[in-house]
């Protein structure tokens, strides 16, 4: 079993020292913040099956549980994008992806 001292340094330190990892962590945090900004606009049943996904220059992905949830979220996209724009996130567009079981 590895001890703390044999690992080198904590993960938080590694993230802070690596520019690519720092960028990844920032995108993860922004994805979560975007989700938090729109989650209340989703009906409770739909919200339970929706998660924030990857964020990059081309899209922000919302991960949904199934095809029927994806259809419902797609209907809400204009409302969600307006809410994001009101908070200063005018882009990139939202994409929907269905989670596949492990």
PDB file of N, CA and C in Angstrom:
ATOM      1  N   UNK A   1       0.841  -1.172   0.000  1.00  0.00           N
ATOM      2  CA  UNK A   1       0.000   0.000   0.000  1.00  0.00           C
ATOM      3  C   UNK A   1       0.891   1.242   0.000  1.00  0.00           C
ATOM      4  N   UNK A   2       0.581   2.180  -0.858  1.00  0.00           N
ATOM      5  CA  UNK A   2       1.379   3.394  -0.971  1.00  0.00           C
ATOM      6  C   UNK A   2       1.030   4.358   0.142  1.00  0.00           C
ATOM      7  N   UNK A   3       2.038   5.016   0.642  1.00  0.00           N
ATOM      8  CA  UNK A   3       1.808   6.047   1.644  1.00  0.00           C
ATOM      9  C   UNK A   3       1.760   7.391   0.951  1.00  0.00           C
ATOM     10  N   UNK A   4       1.266   8.383   1.667  1.00  0.00           N
ATOM     11  CA  UNK A   4       1.161   9.724   1.109  1.00  0.00           C
ATOM     12  C   UNK A   4       2.511  10.207   0.592  1.00  0.00           C
ATOM     13  N   UNK A   5       3.564   9.969   1.348  1.00  0.00           N
ATOM     14  CA  UNK A   5       4.880  10.472   0.961  1.00  0.00           C
ATOM     15  C   UNK A   5       5.415   9.769  -0.287  1.00  0.00           C
ATOM     16  N   UNK A   6       4.991   8.532  -0.549  1.00  0.00           N
ATOM     17  CA  UNK A   6       5.488   7.832  -1.728  1.00  0.00           C
ATOM     18  C   UNK A   6       4.766   8.253  -3.004  1.00  0.00           C
ATOM     19  N   UNK A   7       3.655   8.969  -2.856  1.00  0.00           N
ATOM     20  CA  UNK A   7       2.910   9.415  -4.032  1.00  0.00           C
ATOM     21  C   UNK A   7       3.485  10.684  -4.638  1.00  0.00           C
ATOM     22  N   UNK A   8       4.327  11.356  -3.958  1.00  0.00           N
ATOM     23  CA  UNK A   8       4.919  12.584  -4.473  1.00  0.00           C
ATOM     24  C   UNK A   8       4.244  13.805  -3.891  1.00  0.00           C
ATOM     25  N   UNK A   9       3.055  14.129  -4.374  1.00  0.00           N
ATOM     26  CA  UNK A   9       2.307  15.260  -3.848  1.00  0.00           C
ATOM     27  C   UNK A   9       0.819  15.059  -4.127  1.00  0.00           C
ATOM     28  N   UNK A  10      -0.031  15.785  -3.406  1.00  0.00           N
ATOM     29  CA  UNK A  10      -1.473  15.589  -3.535  1.00  0.00           C
ATOM     30  C   UNK A  10      -1.981  15.929  -4.933  1.00  0.00           C
ATOM     31  N   UNK A  11      -3.113  15.355  -5.273  1.00  0.00           N
ATOM     32  CA  UNK A  11      -3.732  15.595  -6.579  1.00  0.00           C
ATOM     33  C   UNK A  11      -3.978  17.076  -6.808  1.00  0.00           C
ATOM     34  N   UNK A  12      -4.434  17.786  -5.795  1.00  0.00           N
ATOM     35  CA  UNK A  12      -4.694  19.217  -5.952  1.00  0.00           C
ATOM     36  C   UNK A  12      -3.430  19.977  -6.353  1.00  0.00           C
ATOM     37  N   UNK A  13      -2.292  19.556  -5.836  1.00  0.00           N
ATOM     38  CA  UNK A  13      -1.024  20.177  -6.205  1.00  0.00           C
ATOM     39  C   UNK A  13      -0.682  19.857  -7.658  1.00  0.00           C
ATOM     40  N   UNK A  14      -0.898  18.604  -8.059  1.00  0.00           N
ATOM     41  CA  UNK A  14      -0.629  18.216  -9.447  1.00  0.00           C
ATOM     42  C   UNK A  14      -1.508  19.011 -10.404  1.00  0.00           C
ATOM     43  N   UNK A  15      -2.771  19.170 -10.056  1.00  0.00           N
ATOM     44  CA  UNK A  15      -3.679  19.941 -10.909  1.00  0.00           C
ATOM     45  C   UNK A  15      -3.214  21.383 -11.043  1.00  0.00           C
ATOM     46  N   UNK A  16      -2.749  21.947  -9.956  1.00  0.00           N
ATOM     47  CA  UNK A  16      -2.285  23.323  -9.978  1.00  0.00           C
ATOM     48  C   UNK A  16      -1.006  23.521 -10.754  1.00  0.00           C
ATOM     49  N   UNK A  17      -0.203  22.474 -10.888  1.00  0.00           N
ATOM     50  CA  UNK A  17       1.088  22.571 -11.577  1.00  0.00           C
ATOM     51  C   UNK A  17       1.011  22.206 -13.049  1.00  0.00           C
ATOM     52  N   UNK A  18      -0.098  21.641 -13.473  1.00  0.00           N
ATOM     53  CA  UNK A  18      -0.224  21.204 -14.856  1.00  0.00           C
ATOM     54  C   UNK A  18      -1.233  22.077 -15.589  1.00  0.00           C
ATOM     55  N   UNK A  19      -0.762  22.794 -16.589  1.00  0.00           N
ATOM     56  CA  UNK A  19      -1.658  23.678 -17.348  1.00  0.00           C
ATOM     57  C   UNK A  19      -2.809  22.917 -17.998  1.00  0.00           C
ATOM     58  N   UNK A  20      -2.581  21.768 -18.657  1.00  0.00           N
ATOM     59  CA  UNK A  20      -3.714  21.031 -19.233  1.00  0.00           C
ATOM     60  C   UNK A  20      -4.722  20.571 -18.177  1.00  0.00           C
ATOM     61  N   UNK A  21      -4.225  20.101 -17.032  1.00  0.00           N
ATOM     62  CA  UNK A  21      -5.136  19.651 -15.977  1.00  0.00           C
ATOM     63  C   UNK A  21      -5.882  20.822 -15.350  1.00  0.00           C
ATOM     64  N   UNK A  22      -5.228  21.961 -15.229  1.00  0.00           N
ATOM     65  CA  UNK A  22      -5.885  23.151 -14.702  1.00  0.00           C
ATOM     66  C   UNK A  22      -7.013  23.576 -15.637  1.00  0.00           C
ATOM     67  N   UNK A  23      -6.758  23.532 -16.933  1.00  0.00           N
ATOM     68  CA  UNK A  23      -7.795  23.872 -17.915  1.00  0.00           C
ATOM     69  C   UNK A  23      -8.964  22.911 -17.848  1.00  0.00           C
ATOM     70  N   UNK A  24      -8.669  21.636 -17.685  1.00  0.00           N
ATOM     71  CA  UNK A  24      -9.718  20.629 -17.568  1.00  0.00           C
ATOM     72  C   UNK A  24     -10.567  20.887 -16.326  1.00  0.00           C
ATOM     73  N   UNK A  25      -9.915  21.147 -15.211  1.00  0.00           N
ATOM     74  CA  UNK A  25     -10.625  21.416 -13.970  1.00  0.00           C
ATOM     75  C   UNK A  25     -11.508  22.654 -14.106  1.00  0.00           C
ATOM     76  N   UNK A  26     -11.029  23.676 -14.775  1.00  0.00           N
ATOM     77  CA  UNK A  26     -11.833  24.890 -14.993  1.00  0.00           C
ATOM     78  C   UNK A  26     -13.067  24.583 -15.842  1.00  0.00           C
ATOM     79  N   UNK A  27     -12.912  23.754 -16.878  1.00  0.00           N
ATOM     80  CA  UNK A  27     -14.061  23.395 -17.728  1.00  0.00           C
ATOM     81  C   UNK A  27     -15.074  22.561 -16.956  1.00  0.00           C
ATOM     82  N   UNK A  28     -14.591  21.668 -16.097  1.00  0.00           N
ATOM     83  CA  UNK A  28     -15.494  20.855 -15.268  1.00  0.00           C
ATOM     84  C   UNK A  28     -16.282  21.769 -14.330  1.00  0.00           C
ATOM     85  N   UNK A  29     -15.604  22.709 -13.722  1.00  0.00           N
ATOM     86  CA  UNK A  29     -16.290  23.642 -12.807  1.00  0.00           C
ATOM     87  C   UNK A  29     -17.303  24.506 -13.553  1.00  0.00           C
ATOM     88  N   UNK A  30     -16.932  24.987 -14.736  1.00  0.00           N
ATOM     89  CA  UNK A  30     -17.871  25.813 -15.500  1.00  0.00           C
ATOM     90  C   UNK A  30     -19.069  24.994 -15.964  1.00  0.00           C
ATOM     91  N   UNK A  31     -18.845  23.748 -16.362  1.00  0.00           N
ATOM     92  CA  UNK A  31     -19.949  22.878 -16.760  1.00  0.00           C
ATOM     93  C   UNK A  31     -20.921  22.721 -15.601  1.00  0.00           C
ATOM     94  N   UNK A  32     -20.389  22.499 -14.412  1.00  0.00           N
ATOM     95  CA  UNK A  32     -21.243  22.344 -13.222  1.00  0.00           C
ATOM     96  C   UNK A  32     -21.982  23.635 -12.903  1.00  0.00           C
ATOM     97  N   UNK A  33     -21.305  24.764 -13.043  1.00  0.00           N
ATOM     98  CA  UNK A  33     -21.944  26.057 -12.777  1.00  0.00           C
ATOM     99  C   UNK A  33     -23.076  26.318 -13.781  1.00  0.00           C
ATOM    100  N   UNK A  34     -22.845  25.977 -15.039  1.00  0.00           N
ATOM    101  CA  UNK A  34     -23.899  26.127 -16.051  1.00  0.00           C
ATOM    102  C   UNK A  34     -25.096  25.247 -15.694  1.00  0.00           C
ATOM    103  N   UNK A  35     -24.812  24.011 -15.310  1.00  0.00           N
ATOM    104  CA  UNK A  35     -25.898  23.108 -14.940  1.00  0.00           C
ATOM    105  C   UNK A  35     -26.683  23.671 -13.752  1.00  0.00           C
ATOM    106  N   UNK A  36     -25.974  24.143 -12.758  1.00  0.00           N
ATOM    107  CA  UNK A  36     -26.642  24.718 -11.594  1.00  0.00           C
ATOM    108  C   UNK A  36     -27.528  25.899 -11.984  1.00  0.00           C
ATOM    109  N   UNK A  37     -27.108  26.650 -13.015  1.00  0.00           N
ATOM    110  CA  UNK A  37     -27.879  27.812 -13.464  1.00  0.00           C
ATOM    111  C   UNK A  37     -29.176  27.417 -14.167  1.00  0.00           C
ATOM    112  N   UNK A  38     -29.219  26.231 -14.774  1.00  0.00           N
ATOM    113  CA  UNK A  38     -30.416  25.839 -15.534  1.00  0.00           C
ATOM    114  C   UNK A  38     -31.203  24.699 -14.896  1.00  0.00           C
ATOM    115  N   UNK A  39     -30.666  24.051 -13.902  1.00  0.00           N
ATOM    116  CA  UNK A  39     -31.308  22.861 -13.324  1.00  0.00           C
ATOM    117  C   UNK A  39     -32.722  23.146 -12.848  1.00  0.00           C
ATOM    118  N   UNK A  40     -32.949  24.316 -12.274  1.00  0.00           N
ATOM    119  CA  UNK A  40     -34.283  24.619 -11.758  1.00  0.00           C
ATOM    120  C   UNK A  40     -35.312  24.798 -12.876  1.00  0.00           C
ATOM    121  N   UNK A  41     -34.851  24.949 -14.108  1.00  0.00           N
ATOM    122  CA  UNK A  41     -35.769  25.073 -15.248  1.00  0.00           C
ATOM    123  C   UNK A  41     -36.234  23.711 -15.751  1.00  0.00           C
ATOM    124  N   UNK A  42     -35.592  22.648 -15.284  1.00  0.00           N
ATOM    125  CA  UNK A  42     -35.976  21.290 -15.661  1.00  0.00           C
ATOM    126  C   UNK A  42     -37.009  20.765 -14.676  1.00  0.00           C
ATOM    127  N   UNK A  43     -38.058  20.101 -15.169  1.00  0.00           N
ATOM    128  CA  UNK A  43     -39.004  19.483 -14.238  1.00  0.00           C
ATOM    129  C   UNK A  43     -38.258  18.490 -13.339  1.00  0.00           C
ATOM    130  N   UNK A  44     -38.706  18.326 -12.080  1.00  0.00           N
ATOM    131  CA  UNK A  44     -37.975  17.471 -11.125  1.00  0.00           C
ATOM    132  C   UNK A  44     -37.650  16.070 -11.648  1.00  0.00           C
ATOM    133  N   UNK A  45     -38.578  15.405 -12.296  1.00  0.00           N
ATOM    134  CA  UNK A  45     -38.302  14.067 -12.813  1.00  0.00           C
ATOM    135  C   UNK A  45     -37.231  14.061 -13.881  1.00  0.00           C
ATOM    136  N   UNK A  46     -37.246  15.084 -14.707  1.00  0.00           N
ATOM    137  CA  UNK A  46     -36.247  15.217 -15.769  1.00  0.00           C
ATOM    138  C   UNK A  46     -34.896  15.615 -15.187  1.00  0.00           C
ATOM    139  N   UNK A  47     -34.917  16.466 -14.191  1.00  0.00           N
ATOM    140  CA  UNK A  47     -33.683  16.917 -13.532  1.00  0.00           C
ATOM    141  C   UNK A  47     -32.933  15.743 -12.912  1.00  0.00           C
ATOM    142  N   UNK A  48     -33.673  14.797 -12.346  1.00  0.00           N
ATOM    143  CA  UNK A  48     -33.040  13.651 -11.686  1.00  0.00           C
ATOM    144  C   UNK A  48     -32.217  12.808 -12.660  1.00  0.00           C
ATOM    145  N   UNK A  49     -32.593  12.798 -13.933  1.00  0.00           N
ATOM    146  CA  UNK A  49     -31.882  11.996 -14.923  1.00  0.00           C
ATOM    147  C   UNK A  49     -30.973  12.790 -15.833  1.00  0.00           C
ATOM    148  N   UNK A  50     -30.651  14.024 -15.450  1.00  0.00           N
ATOM    149  CA  UNK A  50     -29.818  14.897 -16.276  1.00  0.00           C
ATOM    150  C   UNK A  50     -28.568  15.287 -15.493  1.00  0.00           C
ATOM    151  N   UNK A  51     -27.431  15.272 -16.168  1.00  0.00           N
ATOM    152  CA  UNK A  51     -26.146  15.604 -15.545  1.00  0.00           C
ATOM    153  C   UNK A  51     -25.364  16.555 -16.446  1.00  0.00           C
ATOM    154  N   UNK A  52     -24.504  17.387 -15.858  1.00  0.00           N
ATOM    155  CA  UNK A  52     -23.633  18.207 -16.698  1.00  0.00           C
ATOM    156  C   UNK A  52     -22.579  17.327 -17.351  1.00  0.00           C
ATOM    157  N   UNK A  53     -22.260  17.637 -18.578  1.00  0.00           N
ATOM    158  CA  UNK A  53     -21.261  16.874 -19.309  1.00  0.00           C
ATOM    159  C   UNK A  53     -20.111  17.765 -19.748  1.00  0.00           C
ATOM    160  N   UNK A  54     -19.361  17.298 -20.734  1.00  0.00           N
ATOM    161  CA  UNK A  54     -18.186  18.038 -21.193  1.00  0.00           C
ATOM    162  C   UNK A  54     -18.530  19.425 -21.745  1.00  0.00           C
ATOM    163  N   UNK A  55     -17.583  20.323 -21.605  1.00  0.00           N
ATOM    164  CA  UNK A  55     -17.678  21.677 -22.119  1.00  0.00           C
ATOM    165  C   UNK A  55     -16.401  21.963 -22.885  1.00  0.00           C
ATOM    166  N   UNK A  56     -16.547  22.422 -24.129  1.00  0.00           N
ATOM    167  CA  UNK A  56     -15.382  22.868 -24.896  1.00  0.00           C
ATOM    168  C   UNK A  56     -15.813  24.042 -25.773  1.00  0.00           C
ATOM    169  N   UNK A  57     -15.000  24.402 -26.739  1.00  0.00           N
ATOM    170  CA  UNK A  57     -15.284  25.565 -27.582  1.00  0.00           C
ATOM    171  C   UNK A  57     -16.494  25.345 -28.486  1.00  0.00           C
ATOM    172  N   UNK A  58     -16.823  24.089 -28.788  1.00  0.00           N
ATOM    173  CA  UNK A  58     -17.880  23.803 -29.754  1.00  0.00           C
ATOM    174  C   UNK A  58     -19.239  23.533 -29.132  1.00  0.00           C
ATOM    175  N   UNK A  59     -19.282  23.061 -27.877  1.00  0.00           N
ATOM    176  CA  UNK A  59     -20.566  22.720 -27.261  1.00  0.00           C
ATOM    177  C   UNK A  59     -20.419  22.480 -25.768  1.00  0.00           C
ATOM    178  N   UNK A  60     -21.556  22.621 -25.091  1.00  0.00           N
ATOM    179  CA  UNK A  60     -21.695  22.162 -23.714  1.00  0.00           C
ATOM    180  C   UNK A  60     -22.686  21.020 -23.767  1.00  0.00           C
ATOM    181  N   UNK A  61     -22.337  19.886 -23.216  1.00  0.00           N
ATOM    182  CA  UNK A  61     -23.155  18.687 -23.312  1.00  0.00           C
ATOM    183  C   UNK A  61     -23.944  18.480 -22.023  1.00  0.00           C
ATOM    184  N   UNK A  62     -25.241  18.205 -22.196  1.00  0.00           N
ATOM    185  CA  UNK A  62     -26.068  17.732 -21.099  1.00  0.00           C
ATOM    186  C   UNK A  62     -26.267  16.240 -21.315  1.00  0.00           C
ATOM    187  N   UNK A  63     -25.981  15.461 -20.296  1.00  0.00           N
ATOM    188  CA  UNK A  63     -26.123  14.015 -20.358  1.00  0.00           C
ATOM    189  C   UNK A  63     -27.480  13.648 -19.776  1.00  0.00           C
ATOM    190  N   UNK A  64     -28.268  12.884 -20.532  1.00  0.00           N
ATOM    191  CA  UNK A  64     -29.609  12.507 -20.086  1.00  0.00           C
ATOM    192  C   UNK A  64     -29.734  10.993 -20.032  1.00  0.00           C
ATOM    193  N   UNK A  65     -30.717  10.533 -19.260  1.00  0.00           N
ATOM    194  CA  UNK A  65     -30.853   9.112 -18.967  1.00  0.00           C
ATOM    195  C   UNK A  65     -31.355   8.281 -20.136  1.00  0.00           C
ATOM    196  N   UNK A  66     -32.218   8.854 -20.985  1.00  0.00           N
ATOM    197  CA  UNK A  66     -32.823   8.052 -22.049  1.00  0.00           C
ATOM    198  C   UNK A  66     -33.341   8.946 -23.176  1.00  0.00           C
ATOM    199  N   UNK A  67     -33.835   8.306 -24.223  1.00  0.00           N
ATOM    200  CA  UNK A  67     -34.270   9.038 -25.415  1.00  0.00           C
ATOM    201  C   UNK A  67     -35.462   9.945 -25.137  1.00  0.00           C
ATOM    202  N   UNK A  68     -36.405   9.495 -24.316  1.00  0.00           N
ATOM    203  CA  UNK A  68     -37.561  10.352 -24.042  1.00  0.00           C
ATOM    204  C   UNK A  68     -37.147  11.594 -23.253  1.00  0.00           C
ATOM    205  N   UNK A  69     -36.203  11.436 -22.331  1.00  0.00           N
ATOM    206  CA  UNK A  69     -35.677  12.594 -21.601  1.00  0.00           C
ATOM    207  C   UNK A  69     -34.943  13.533 -22.551  1.00  0.00           C
ATOM    208  N   UNK A  70     -34.200  12.974 -23.487  1.00  0.00           N
ATOM    209  CA  UNK A  70     -33.480  13.795 -24.464  1.00  0.00           C
ATOM    210  C   UNK A  70     -34.455  14.636 -25.277  1.00  0.00           C
ATOM    211  N   UNK A  71     -35.572  14.037 -25.684  1.00  0.00           N
ATOM    212  CA  UNK A  71     -36.574  14.771 -26.462  1.00  0.00           C
ATOM    213  C   UNK A  71     -37.153  15.926 -25.650  1.00  0.00           C
ATOM    214  N   UNK A  72     -37.429  15.674 -24.387  1.00  0.00           N
ATOM    215  CA  UNK A  72     -37.985  16.727 -23.531  1.00  0.00           C
ATOM    216  C   UNK A  72     -36.984  17.853 -23.298  1.00  0.00           C
ATOM    217  N   UNK A  73     -35.722  17.496 -23.068  1.00  0.00           N
ATOM    218  CA  UNK A  73     -34.695  18.521 -22.859  1.00  0.00           C
ATOM    219  C   UNK A  73     -34.502  19.328 -24.134  1.00  0.00           C
ATOM    220  N   UNK A  74     -34.550  18.686 -25.283  1.00  0.00           N
ATOM    221  CA  UNK A  74     -34.410  19.418 -26.556  1.00  0.00           C
ATOM    222  C   UNK A  74     -35.499  20.479 -26.695  1.00  0.00           C
ATOM    223  N   UNK A  75     -36.710  20.177 -26.229  1.00  0.00           N
ATOM    224  CA  UNK A  75     -37.793  21.162 -26.280  1.00  0.00           C
ATOM    225  C   UNK A  75     -37.495  22.370 -25.394  1.00  0.00           C
ATOM    226  N   UNK A  76     -36.723  22.154 -24.350  1.00  0.00           N
ATOM    227  CA  UNK A  76     -36.391  23.230 -23.415  1.00  0.00           C
ATOM    228  C   UNK A  76     -35.128  24.001 -23.791  1.00  0.00           C
ATOM    229  N   UNK A  77     -34.424  23.579 -24.839  1.00  0.00           N
ATOM    230  CA  UNK A  77     -33.144  24.212 -25.174  1.00  0.00           C
ATOM    231  C   UNK A  77     -33.227  25.727 -25.317  1.00  0.00           C
ATOM    232  N   UNK A  78     -34.221  26.285 -26.012  1.00  0.00           N
ATOM    233  CA  UNK A  78     -34.253  27.754 -26.101  1.00  0.00           C
ATOM    234  C   UNK A  78     -34.330  28.429 -24.721  1.00  0.00           C
ATOM    235  N   UNK A  79     -35.118  27.874 -23.829  1.00  0.00           N
ATOM    236  CA  UNK A  79     -35.242  28.427 -22.484  1.00  0.00           C
ATOM    237  C   UNK A  79     -33.929  28.302 -21.719  1.00  0.00           C
ATOM    238  N   UNK A  80     -33.294  27.144 -21.836  1.00  0.00           N
ATOM    239  CA  UNK A  80     -32.017  26.928 -21.139  1.00  0.00           C
ATOM    240  C   UNK A  80     -30.946  27.867 -21.666  1.00  0.00           C
ATOM    241  N   UNK A  81     -30.876  28.019 -22.984  1.00  0.00           N
ATOM    242  CA  UNK A  81     -29.851  28.887 -23.579  1.00  0.00           C
ATOM    243  C   UNK A  81     -30.102  30.353 -23.229  1.00  0.00           C
ATOM    244  N   UNK A  82     -31.378  30.758 -23.145  1.00  0.00           N
ATOM    245  CA  UNK A  82     -31.693  32.127 -22.716  1.00  0.00           C
ATOM    246  C   UNK A  82     -31.240  32.359 -21.275  1.00  0.00           C
ATOM    247  N   UNK A  83     -31.469  31.385 -20.409  1.00  0.00           N
ATOM    248  CA  UNK A  83     -31.058  31.513 -19.006  1.00  0.00           C
ATOM    249  C   UNK A  83     -29.544  31.624 -18.900  1.00  0.00           C
ATOM    250  N   UNK A  84     -28.833  30.844 -19.700  1.00  0.00           N
ATOM    251  CA  UNK A  84     -27.365  30.925 -19.682  1.00  0.00           C
ATOM    252  C   UNK A  84     -26.887  32.280 -20.198  1.00  0.00           C
ATOM    253  N   UNK A  85     -27.500  32.749 -21.276  1.00  0.00           N
ATOM    254  CA  UNK A  85     -27.111  34.045 -21.841  1.00  0.00           C
ATOM    255  C   UNK A  85     -27.355  35.170 -20.832  1.00  0.00           C
ATOM    256  N   UNK A  86     -28.446  35.071 -20.072  1.00  0.00           N
ATOM    257  CA  UNK A  86     -28.750  36.088 -19.065  1.00  0.00           C
ATOM    258  C   UNK A  86     -27.685  36.131 -17.977  1.00  0.00           C
ATOM    259  N   UNK A  87     -26.976  35.025 -17.803  1.00  0.00           N
ATOM    260  CA  UNK A  87     -25.903  34.971 -16.802  1.00  0.00           C
ATOM    261  C   UNK A  87     -24.520  35.162 -17.413  1.00  0.00           C
ATOM    262  N   UNK A  88     -24.476  35.529 -18.689  1.00  0.00           N
ATOM    263  CA  UNK A  88     -23.200  35.821 -19.329  1.00  0.00           C
ATOM    264  C   UNK A  88     -22.577  34.679 -20.108  1.00  0.00           C
ATOM    265  N   UNK A  89     -23.283  33.561 -20.226  1.00  0.00           N
ATOM    266  CA  UNK A  89     -22.781  32.427 -21.002  1.00  0.00           C
ATOM    267  C   UNK A  89     -23.565  32.338 -22.312  1.00  0.00           C
ATOM    268  N   UNK A  90     -23.172  33.128 -23.299  1.00  0.00           N
ATOM    269  CA  UNK A  90     -23.891  33.182 -24.563  1.00  0.00           C
ATOM    270  C   UNK A  90     -23.542  32.035 -25.499  1.00  0.00           C
ATOM    271  N   UNK A  91     -22.598  31.238 -25.195  1.00  0.00           N
ATOM    272  CA  UNK A  91     -22.219  30.118 -26.048  1.00  0.00           C
ATOM    273  C   UNK A  91     -21.247  29.249 -25.300  1.00  0.00           C
ATOM    274  N   UNK A  92     -20.856  28.178 -25.809  1.00  0.00           N
ATOM    275  CA  UNK A  92     -21.287  27.516 -27.044  1.00  0.00           C
ATOM    276  C   UNK A  92     -22.676  26.895 -26.871  1.00  0.00           C
ATOM    277  N   UNK A  93     -23.240  26.375 -27.965  1.00  0.00           N
ATOM    278  CA  UNK A  93     -24.584  25.787 -27.876  1.00  0.00           C
ATOM    279  C   UNK A  93     -24.613  24.533 -27.002  1.00  0.00           C
ATOM    280  N   UNK A  94     -25.814  24.200 -26.547  1.00  0.00           N
ATOM    281  CA  UNK A  94     -26.011  22.996 -25.737  1.00  0.00           C
ATOM    282  C   UNK A  94     -26.277  21.822 -26.669  1.00  0.00           C
ATOM    283  N   UNK A  95     -25.616  20.711 -26.391  1.00  0.00           N
ATOM    284  CA  UNK A  95     -25.896  19.449 -27.085  1.00  0.00           C
ATOM    285  C   UNK A  95     -26.407  18.456 -26.060  1.00  0.00           C
ATOM    286  N   UNK A  96     -27.228  17.534 -26.516  1.00  0.00           N
ATOM    287  CA  UNK A  96     -27.784  16.515 -25.641  1.00  0.00           C
ATOM    288  C   UNK A  96     -27.182  15.165 -26.028  1.00  0.00           C
ATOM    289  N   UNK A  97     -26.745  14.418 -25.027  1.00  0.00           N
ATOM    290  CA  UNK A  97     -26.266  13.055 -25.261  1.00  0.00           C
ATOM    291  C   UNK A  97     -26.956  12.124 -24.268  1.00  0.00           C
ATOM    292  N   UNK A  98     -27.292  10.936 -24.755  1.00  0.00           N
ATOM    293  CA  UNK A  98     -27.935   9.931 -23.915  1.00  0.00           C
ATOM    294  C   UNK A  98     -26.850   9.100 -23.244  1.00  0.00           C
ATOM    295  N   UNK A  99     -26.978   8.963 -21.925  1.00  0.00           N
ATOM    296  CA  UNK A  99     -26.044   8.127 -21.175  1.00  0.00           C
ATOM    297  C   UNK A  99     -26.279   6.674 -21.533  1.00  0.00           C
ATOM    298  N   UNK A 100     -25.224   5.956 -21.764  1.00  0.00           N
ATOM    299  CA  UNK A 100     -25.345   4.522 -22.015  1.00  0.00           C
ATOM    300  C   UNK A 100     -24.987   3.780 -20.743  1.00  0.00           C
ATOM    301  N   UNK A 101     -25.725   2.716 -20.434  1.00  0.00           N
ATOM    302  CA  UNK A 101     -25.415   1.979 -19.208  1.00  0.00           C
ATOM    303  C   UNK A 101     -24.023   1.370 -19.269  1.00  0.00           C
ATOM    304  N   UNK A 102     -23.349   1.259 -18.112  1.00  0.00           N
ATOM    305  CA  UNK A 102     -21.984   0.706 -18.094  1.00  0.00           C
ATOM    306  C   UNK A 102     -21.952  -0.760 -18.470  1.00  0.00           C
TER     307      UNK A 102
END
